[in-house]
Protein backbone atom coordinates (compact mmCIF):
# COMPACT_ATOMS: atom_id res chain seq x y z
CA MET A 1 -7.90 -30.90 26.54
CA LYS A 2 -7.09 -31.36 22.84
CA THR A 3 -4.22 -33.82 22.40
CA ILE A 4 -2.31 -35.29 19.49
CA LYS A 5 -1.79 -39.04 19.63
CA THR A 6 0.95 -40.48 17.44
CA ASN A 7 3.53 -43.26 17.49
CA LEU A 8 6.85 -42.69 19.22
CA LYS A 9 8.91 -42.61 16.01
CA ASN A 10 7.02 -39.52 14.77
CA GLY A 11 6.77 -37.83 18.16
CA GLU A 12 9.86 -35.62 17.92
CA LEU A 13 8.92 -34.23 14.50
CA ILE A 14 5.40 -33.38 15.67
CA ARG A 15 6.75 -31.86 18.90
CA ARG A 16 9.02 -29.52 16.93
CA LEU A 17 6.17 -28.52 14.59
CA LEU A 18 3.90 -27.71 17.54
CA LEU A 19 6.65 -25.63 19.12
CA ASP A 20 7.15 -23.72 15.86
CA TYR A 21 3.46 -22.79 15.81
CA ASN A 22 3.29 -22.18 19.60
CA LEU A 23 0.65 -24.91 19.94
CA LEU A 24 2.31 -27.25 22.45
CA ASN A 25 1.04 -26.94 26.02
CA LYS A 26 4.25 -26.64 28.03
CA ASP A 27 2.44 -26.81 31.37
CA TYR A 28 2.30 -30.60 31.05
CA LYS A 29 4.77 -33.35 30.26
CA LEU A 30 4.34 -35.49 27.18
CA LYS A 31 2.75 -38.83 27.96
CA LYS A 32 4.04 -42.17 26.70
CA SER A 33 1.98 -45.36 26.64
CA ASN A 34 3.28 -48.50 24.93
CA ASN A 35 4.37 -47.28 21.47
CA ASP A 36 2.20 -44.14 21.51
CA LEU A 37 3.01 -40.55 22.45
CA TYR A 38 0.44 -37.99 23.59
CA LEU A 39 1.19 -34.27 23.06
CA PRO A 40 -1.14 -31.79 24.86
CA LEU A 41 -2.20 -28.72 22.87
CA ASN A 42 -2.57 -25.17 24.11
CA LYS A 43 -6.01 -24.26 25.38
CA GLU A 44 -5.86 -21.23 23.06
CA LEU A 45 -6.26 -23.62 20.12
CA GLU A 46 -9.95 -23.90 20.89
CA GLU A 47 -10.31 -20.10 21.00
CA MET A 48 -8.49 -19.29 17.77
CA GLU A 49 -10.90 -18.14 15.06
CA ASP A 50 -8.61 -18.73 12.11
CA ILE A 51 -7.58 -22.35 12.71
CA ASN A 52 -9.45 -25.61 12.95
CA GLU A 53 -8.42 -29.21 13.39
CA ASN A 54 -8.24 -29.81 9.63
CA ASP A 55 -5.76 -26.92 9.32
CA LEU A 56 -3.59 -28.49 11.99
CA LYS A 57 -3.80 -31.87 10.27
CA ASN A 58 -2.75 -30.33 6.95
CA VAL A 59 0.33 -28.67 8.47
CA ILE A 60 1.48 -31.89 10.11
CA SER A 61 0.58 -34.13 7.18
CA GLN A 62 2.67 -32.14 4.68
CA ASN A 63 5.79 -33.09 6.65
CA LYS A 64 7.17 -36.49 5.75
CA SER A 65 9.09 -38.89 7.92
CA GLN A 66 11.58 -41.37 6.54
CA ASN A 67 8.84 -43.98 6.71
CA GLY A 68 6.27 -41.99 4.74
CA ILE A 69 3.16 -40.07 5.79
CA ILE A 70 2.93 -39.23 9.49
CA GLU A 71 0.01 -40.98 11.15
CA PHE A 72 -1.70 -39.25 14.08
CA GLU A 73 -5.09 -38.31 15.46
CA ILE A 74 -6.49 -35.46 17.54
CA ILE A 75 -8.29 -36.67 20.67
CA THR A 76 -9.58 -35.15 23.90
CA LEU A 77 -8.07 -36.13 27.27
CA LYS A 78 -8.48 -34.83 30.81
CA GLU A 79 -5.82 -32.57 32.28
CA SER A 80 -5.49 -35.15 35.07
CA ASP A 81 -4.24 -37.64 32.47
CA PHE A 82 -1.01 -35.63 32.22
CA GLU A 83 1.74 -34.94 34.73
CA LYS A 84 2.50 -31.29 35.42
CA SER A 85 5.80 -29.97 34.13
CA ASN A 86 8.56 -29.44 36.69
CA GLY A 87 9.32 -25.95 37.79
CA LYS A 88 7.21 -22.86 38.29
CA LYS A 89 5.15 -21.78 35.33
CA ASN A 90 6.04 -18.38 33.93
CA PRO A 91 3.00 -16.12 33.72
CA SER A 92 1.76 -15.42 30.21
CA PHE A 93 0.69 -12.04 28.89
CA LYS A 94 -2.86 -13.37 28.52
CA ASP A 95 -2.81 -14.43 32.17
CA TYR A 96 -1.66 -10.93 33.07
CA LEU A 97 -4.51 -9.34 31.10
CA ILE A 98 -7.13 -11.59 32.68
CA THR A 99 -5.82 -10.88 36.19
CA ASN A 100 -5.46 -7.12 35.83
CA TYR A 101 -7.84 -6.00 33.07
CA ASP A 102 -10.89 -8.21 33.33
CA GLU A 103 -13.38 -5.36 32.90
CA GLU A 104 -11.53 -3.89 29.91
CA LEU A 105 -11.43 -7.31 28.25
CA LYS A 106 -15.18 -7.67 28.73
CA ASN A 107 -16.05 -4.24 27.33
CA GLY A 108 -13.60 -4.57 24.43
CA THR A 109 -11.29 -1.66 25.20
CA ILE A 110 -8.45 -4.18 25.43
CA ALA A 111 -8.45 -7.29 23.24
CA HIS A 112 -7.33 -10.79 24.21
CA ALA A 113 -5.92 -11.26 20.73
CA TYR A 114 -2.66 -9.77 19.51
CA ASP A 115 -0.45 -10.36 16.48
CA ILE A 116 3.10 -11.66 16.66
CA ILE A 117 5.01 -10.92 13.46
CA GLY A 118 8.60 -12.11 13.78
CA ASP A 119 9.90 -10.40 16.91
CA ILE A 120 7.27 -7.64 16.85
CA VAL A 121 3.99 -7.71 18.78
CA ILE A 122 0.98 -5.60 17.81
CA LEU A 123 -1.64 -5.10 20.53
CA GLN A 124 -5.27 -4.02 20.18
CA ILE A 125 -5.98 -1.31 22.76
CA SER A 126 -8.66 1.37 22.51
CA ASP A 127 -7.90 5.11 22.64
CA GLU A 128 -10.07 5.10 25.77
CA ILE A 129 -7.17 3.54 27.65
CA SER A 130 -4.77 6.25 28.84
CA LYS A 131 -1.34 6.68 27.24
CA GLU A 132 0.32 5.83 30.57
CA GLU A 133 -1.64 2.57 30.81
CA ARG A 134 -0.92 1.70 27.15
CA LEU A 135 2.81 2.11 27.73
CA LYS A 136 2.56 -0.07 30.84
CA LEU A 137 0.82 -2.78 28.81
CA GLY A 138 3.50 -2.54 26.14
CA GLU A 139 6.28 -3.08 28.65
CA LYS A 140 4.44 -6.07 30.14
CA ALA A 141 3.94 -7.57 26.69
CA LYS A 142 7.65 -7.23 25.96
CA GLU A 143 8.46 -8.85 29.31
CA LEU A 144 6.02 -11.77 29.13
CA ILE A 145 5.82 -12.68 25.43
CA PRO A 146 8.92 -14.70 24.44
CA SER A 147 11.50 -13.33 21.98
CA VAL A 148 9.88 -9.91 21.55
CA ARG A 149 12.00 -6.98 20.39
CA ALA A 150 9.31 -4.33 19.94
CA VAL A 151 5.69 -3.71 20.89
CA PHE A 152 3.21 -1.50 19.01
CA ARG A 153 -0.55 -1.06 19.06
CA ARG A 154 -3.01 -0.65 16.22
CA GLU A 155 -3.78 3.07 16.13
CA SER A 156 -6.07 2.84 13.09
CA ASP A 157 -7.77 0.35 10.81
CA VAL A 158 -6.16 -0.59 7.51
CA LYS A 159 -6.60 2.40 5.20
CA GLY A 160 -5.52 4.01 1.96
CA GLU A 161 -4.41 2.63 -1.38
CA TYR A 162 -1.44 0.87 0.21
CA ARG A 163 -3.56 -0.86 2.92
CA VAL A 164 -1.45 0.16 5.91
CA ARG A 165 -2.43 1.15 9.45
CA ASP A 166 -1.07 3.70 11.87
CA LEU A 167 0.91 2.21 14.74
CA GLU A 168 1.76 3.57 18.18
CA HIS A 169 5.11 2.51 19.65
CA LEU A 170 4.72 1.17 23.18
CA ALA A 171 7.93 -0.64 24.16
CA GLY A 172 11.29 -1.90 22.95
CA GLU A 173 12.87 -0.82 19.68
CA LYS A 174 11.09 1.48 17.24
CA ASP A 175 12.30 -0.38 14.13
CA THR A 176 9.28 -1.84 12.30
CA LEU A 177 11.15 -4.26 10.00
CA THR A 178 11.16 -7.91 11.07
CA LEU A 179 11.78 -11.41 9.76
CA TYR A 180 8.73 -13.65 9.90
CA LYS A 181 8.58 -17.43 9.38
CA GLU A 182 5.64 -19.63 8.37
CA ASN A 183 4.96 -22.81 6.39
CA GLY A 184 8.64 -23.46 5.72
CA TYR A 185 9.52 -20.06 4.21
CA LYS A 186 10.71 -16.66 5.50
CA LEU A 187 9.49 -13.13 4.84
CA TYR A 188 10.80 -9.66 5.54
CA VAL A 189 7.85 -7.57 6.74
CA ASP A 190 7.74 -3.88 7.63
CA VAL A 191 4.59 -3.63 9.75
CA ALA A 192 4.38 0.16 9.28
CA LYS A 193 4.70 0.19 5.48
CA VAL A 194 2.78 -2.88 4.23
CA TYR A 195 -0.31 -4.90 5.04
CA PHE A 196 0.42 -8.29 6.56
CA SER A 197 -1.65 -10.70 8.65
CA PRO A 198 -0.02 -13.65 10.45
CA ARG A 199 -3.55 -14.96 11.09
CA LEU A 200 -3.74 -16.07 7.45
CA SER A 201 -0.83 -18.51 7.71
CA TRP A 202 -3.25 -21.45 7.87
CA GLU A 203 -5.15 -20.20 4.83
CA ARG A 204 -1.90 -19.77 2.91
CA ASN A 205 -1.01 -23.33 3.85
CA ARG A 206 -4.35 -24.46 2.40
CA ILE A 207 -3.53 -22.77 -0.91
CA MET A 208 -0.03 -24.27 -0.84
CA GLN A 209 -1.54 -27.76 -0.79
CA LYS A 210 -3.50 -27.06 -4.00
CA ILE A 211 -0.62 -25.87 -6.17
CA GLU A 212 0.34 -28.04 -9.16
CA LYS A 213 3.64 -27.88 -11.02
CA ASP A 214 2.10 -26.50 -14.26
CA ASP A 215 0.12 -23.72 -12.54
CA ILE A 216 0.53 -20.12 -13.68
CA ILE A 217 -0.35 -17.99 -10.65
CA ILE A 218 -1.46 -14.36 -10.68
CA ASP A 219 -1.37 -12.86 -7.18
CA MET A 220 -3.40 -9.70 -7.74
CA PHE A 221 -2.61 -7.98 -4.42
CA CYS A 222 0.61 -9.64 -3.36
CA GLY A 223 1.99 -7.38 -0.62
CA VAL A 224 5.38 -8.73 0.52
CA GLY A 225 4.56 -12.06 -1.14
CA PRO A 226 3.21 -14.52 1.46
CA TYR A 227 0.73 -16.09 -0.97
CA SER A 228 3.14 -15.90 -3.90
CA ILE A 229 5.88 -17.69 -1.98
CA ALA A 230 3.36 -20.22 -0.67
CA CYS A 231 2.78 -21.04 -4.37
CA LYS A 232 6.48 -21.77 -4.91
CA ASP A 233 5.82 -25.19 -6.47
CA ALA A 234 3.97 -23.58 -9.41
CA LYS A 235 5.55 -23.10 -12.84
CA LYS A 236 5.37 -19.28 -12.70
CA ILE A 237 3.98 -16.66 -10.29
CA TYR A 238 3.14 -13.07 -11.27
CA SER A 239 3.06 -10.94 -8.10
CA ILE A 240 1.36 -7.57 -8.45
CA ASP A 241 1.00 -4.67 -6.03
CA VAL A 242 0.63 -0.92 -6.23
CA ASN A 243 2.64 -0.31 -3.03
CA PRO A 244 6.34 0.30 -3.88
CA GLU A 245 7.43 -0.62 -0.34
CA ALA A 246 5.65 -3.97 -0.67
CA ILE A 247 7.33 -4.74 -4.01
CA LYS A 248 10.71 -3.70 -2.61
CA LEU A 249 10.33 -6.20 0.23
CA LEU A 250 8.90 -8.81 -2.13
CA LYS A 251 12.10 -8.67 -4.19
CA GLU A 252 14.11 -9.30 -1.01
CA ASN A 253 11.80 -12.18 -0.09
CA ILE A 254 12.19 -13.74 -3.53
CA LYS A 255 15.97 -13.80 -3.00
CA LEU A 256 15.59 -14.99 0.58
CA ASN A 257 13.61 -18.03 -0.58
CA ASN A 258 15.64 -18.69 -3.75
CA LEU A 259 12.70 -18.11 -6.08
CA GLU A 260 14.26 -15.74 -8.62
CA ASN A 261 13.32 -18.07 -11.47
CA LYS A 262 9.71 -18.50 -10.34
CA ILE A 263 8.28 -15.17 -9.13
CA ILE A 264 7.96 -12.05 -11.28
CA PRO A 265 7.31 -8.90 -9.18
CA ILE A 266 5.20 -6.20 -10.83
CA LEU A 267 4.76 -2.71 -9.37
CA GLU A 268 1.48 -1.64 -10.94
CA ASP A 269 -2.25 -1.18 -10.47
CA VAL A 270 -3.55 -4.66 -11.32
CA ARG A 271 -6.26 -3.11 -13.53
CA LYS A 272 -3.51 -2.05 -15.95
CA VAL A 273 -1.88 -5.49 -16.19
CA ASN A 274 -2.43 -7.78 -19.18
CA LEU A 275 -1.64 -11.40 -18.23
CA LYS A 276 -3.17 -14.87 -18.28
CA GLY A 277 -3.03 -17.54 -15.59
CA ASN A 278 -4.95 -20.57 -14.46
CA ARG A 279 -4.99 -19.70 -10.74
CA ILE A 280 -5.85 -16.21 -9.51
CA ILE A 281 -5.48 -15.08 -5.90
CA MET A 282 -7.73 -12.18 -4.83
CA ASN A 283 -6.63 -11.51 -1.25
CA LEU A 284 -8.25 -8.09 -0.83
CA PRO A 285 -11.36 -9.07 1.15
CA LYS A 286 -12.88 -5.65 1.73
CA TYR A 287 -12.62 -4.49 -1.88
CA ALA A 288 -12.23 -7.65 -3.98
CA ASN A 289 -15.77 -7.25 -5.34
CA GLN A 290 -14.51 -4.20 -7.28
CA PHE A 291 -11.93 -6.33 -9.12
CA VAL A 292 -13.98 -9.36 -10.21
CA ASP A 293 -14.17 -8.23 -13.84
CA LYS A 294 -10.40 -7.87 -13.93
CA ALA A 295 -9.91 -11.29 -12.37
CA LEU A 296 -12.12 -12.78 -15.07
CA GLU A 297 -9.93 -11.11 -17.72
CA LEU A 298 -6.83 -12.67 -16.16
CA VAL A 299 -8.10 -16.23 -15.61
CA GLU A 300 -8.15 -18.90 -18.29
CA ASP A 301 -11.32 -20.90 -18.87
CA GLY A 302 -11.15 -23.89 -16.56
CA GLY A 303 -8.93 -21.96 -14.15
CA THR A 304 -9.52 -21.19 -10.48
CA ILE A 305 -10.13 -17.90 -8.69
CA HIS A 306 -9.51 -17.81 -4.93
CA TYR A 307 -11.91 -15.03 -3.98
CA TYR A 308 -11.68 -13.45 -0.51
CA MET A 309 -14.56 -11.33 0.69
CA VAL A 310 -16.01 -9.63 3.78
CA GLY A 311 -19.67 -10.12 4.54
CA ALA A 312 -22.34 -11.74 6.65
CA ASP A 313 -22.98 -14.50 4.11
CA LEU A 314 -20.74 -16.02 1.43
CA ASN A 315 -23.76 -16.15 -0.92
CA GLU A 316 -23.08 -12.47 -1.63
CA GLY A 317 -19.92 -13.53 -3.47
CA ILE A 318 -21.61 -16.43 -5.24
CA GLU A 319 -24.40 -14.19 -6.54
CA LEU A 320 -21.84 -11.67 -7.80
CA PHE A 321 -20.04 -14.33 -9.86
CA LYS A 322 -23.34 -15.75 -11.16
CA SER A 323 -23.95 -12.51 -13.03
CA LYS A 324 -20.60 -12.72 -14.79
CA CYS A 325 -19.65 -16.35 -15.55
CA ASP A 326 -20.49 -20.03 -15.31
CA PHE A 327 -18.60 -21.67 -12.46
CA GLU A 328 -18.33 -24.48 -9.98
CA VAL A 329 -17.66 -23.79 -6.29
CA LEU A 330 -14.77 -26.06 -5.40
CA GLU A 331 -14.55 -25.05 -1.76
CA SER A 332 -15.73 -22.30 0.57
CA ARG A 333 -15.00 -21.53 4.20
CA VAL A 334 -14.79 -18.91 6.93
CA VAL A 335 -11.21 -17.67 7.15
CA LYS A 336 -11.65 -15.53 10.28
CA SER A 337 -14.04 -13.12 11.95
CA TYR A 338 -13.99 -9.51 10.75
CA SER A 339 -16.54 -7.79 12.98
CA PRO A 340 -19.30 -8.96 15.34
CA ARG A 341 -21.62 -9.69 12.39
CA GLU A 342 -19.21 -10.16 9.50
CA TYR A 343 -16.57 -12.68 8.45
CA VAL A 344 -13.76 -13.00 5.96
CA PHE A 345 -14.78 -15.80 3.59
CA VAL A 346 -12.85 -17.52 0.83
CA ILE A 347 -14.60 -19.10 -2.15
CA ASP A 348 -12.64 -21.17 -4.67
CA PHE A 349 -14.37 -20.74 -8.05
CA LYS A 350 -13.57 -22.98 -11.00
CA ILE A 351 -14.42 -20.83 -14.03
CA ILE A 352 -16.16 -23.07 -16.56
CA LYS A 353 -17.33 -20.45 -19.05
CA ASN A 354 -15.93 -16.98 -18.75
CA ASN A 355 -18.39 -14.48 -20.25
CA LYS A 356 -15.75 -11.76 -20.00
CA ASN A 357 -13.34 -13.67 -22.26
CA ASN A 358 -16.07 -14.71 -24.67
CA LYS A 359 -17.11 -11.10 -25.29
CA GLU A 360 -13.57 -10.36 -26.36
């Protein structure tokens, strides 16, 4: 199983980080050998589509110890190398699904994956599953997933101008507002009124690592501000969204994270905004291709556009930009799967010569 090896002096910091991200395998005791500590990782780590070992390394590496950068490595050990934890293991919700809904998991009417946003869980269950069975699953999720206050299921895909989805209440409280934590900051999120994906926390951490103190950020589709707040070390962040509920929560999140002097919230259609910045965030994967011209108006020559797209091949995005500007691809990667044959990609474009600006 995947295991982090580090020295004893950094062990407690790494243990707390792994607990925060629910990545520590609690079925086994930590192992000490000489001056080294071995921390077993959850088996789910290997199944997660939106995280890889480099992401995990980035999260740990950004945390400093009193002695400087934390040194560690990710290795593979046998389960027999670890001693089992004392006490009876509590069953997990995933264990419950595998035991009781094997056929439904195989045919896709119930998904292994679910989102935890603060103390709210959102399940993926097909309409083919009866209402009675859905409610039963909701109650089990509330019982078996730690610190859960409310359980909902996705009743529709993201839709409409405000990018929200219909939710069905299954268990617990009906209140859809929650407090979510990631990457050292906090966010108020109303899962019924705004679009938010906890599965992008690793991608937001990647962007956080790239921010420089003189950056002027334009977050074209900011929502409640997860990318904007991840860019908190920049000089200035312009956060734009057409959804009034998103901007209302963004303003609360700016106060919550003490960023009143950094982030400027703007309730507007981004196509009507006249700004300039050197780093543009286009987190609207399904429709970002419709806003490339506007992004090129906003970005300074030599600036960077973080372009998120849905497709089978990231070359679709590269070809689109080729027709509009001269650029260098700084980085590209799969962010997560979108459908059986499509992915969410991110491409970081450095805009060398912006034809849009030159025409003006």
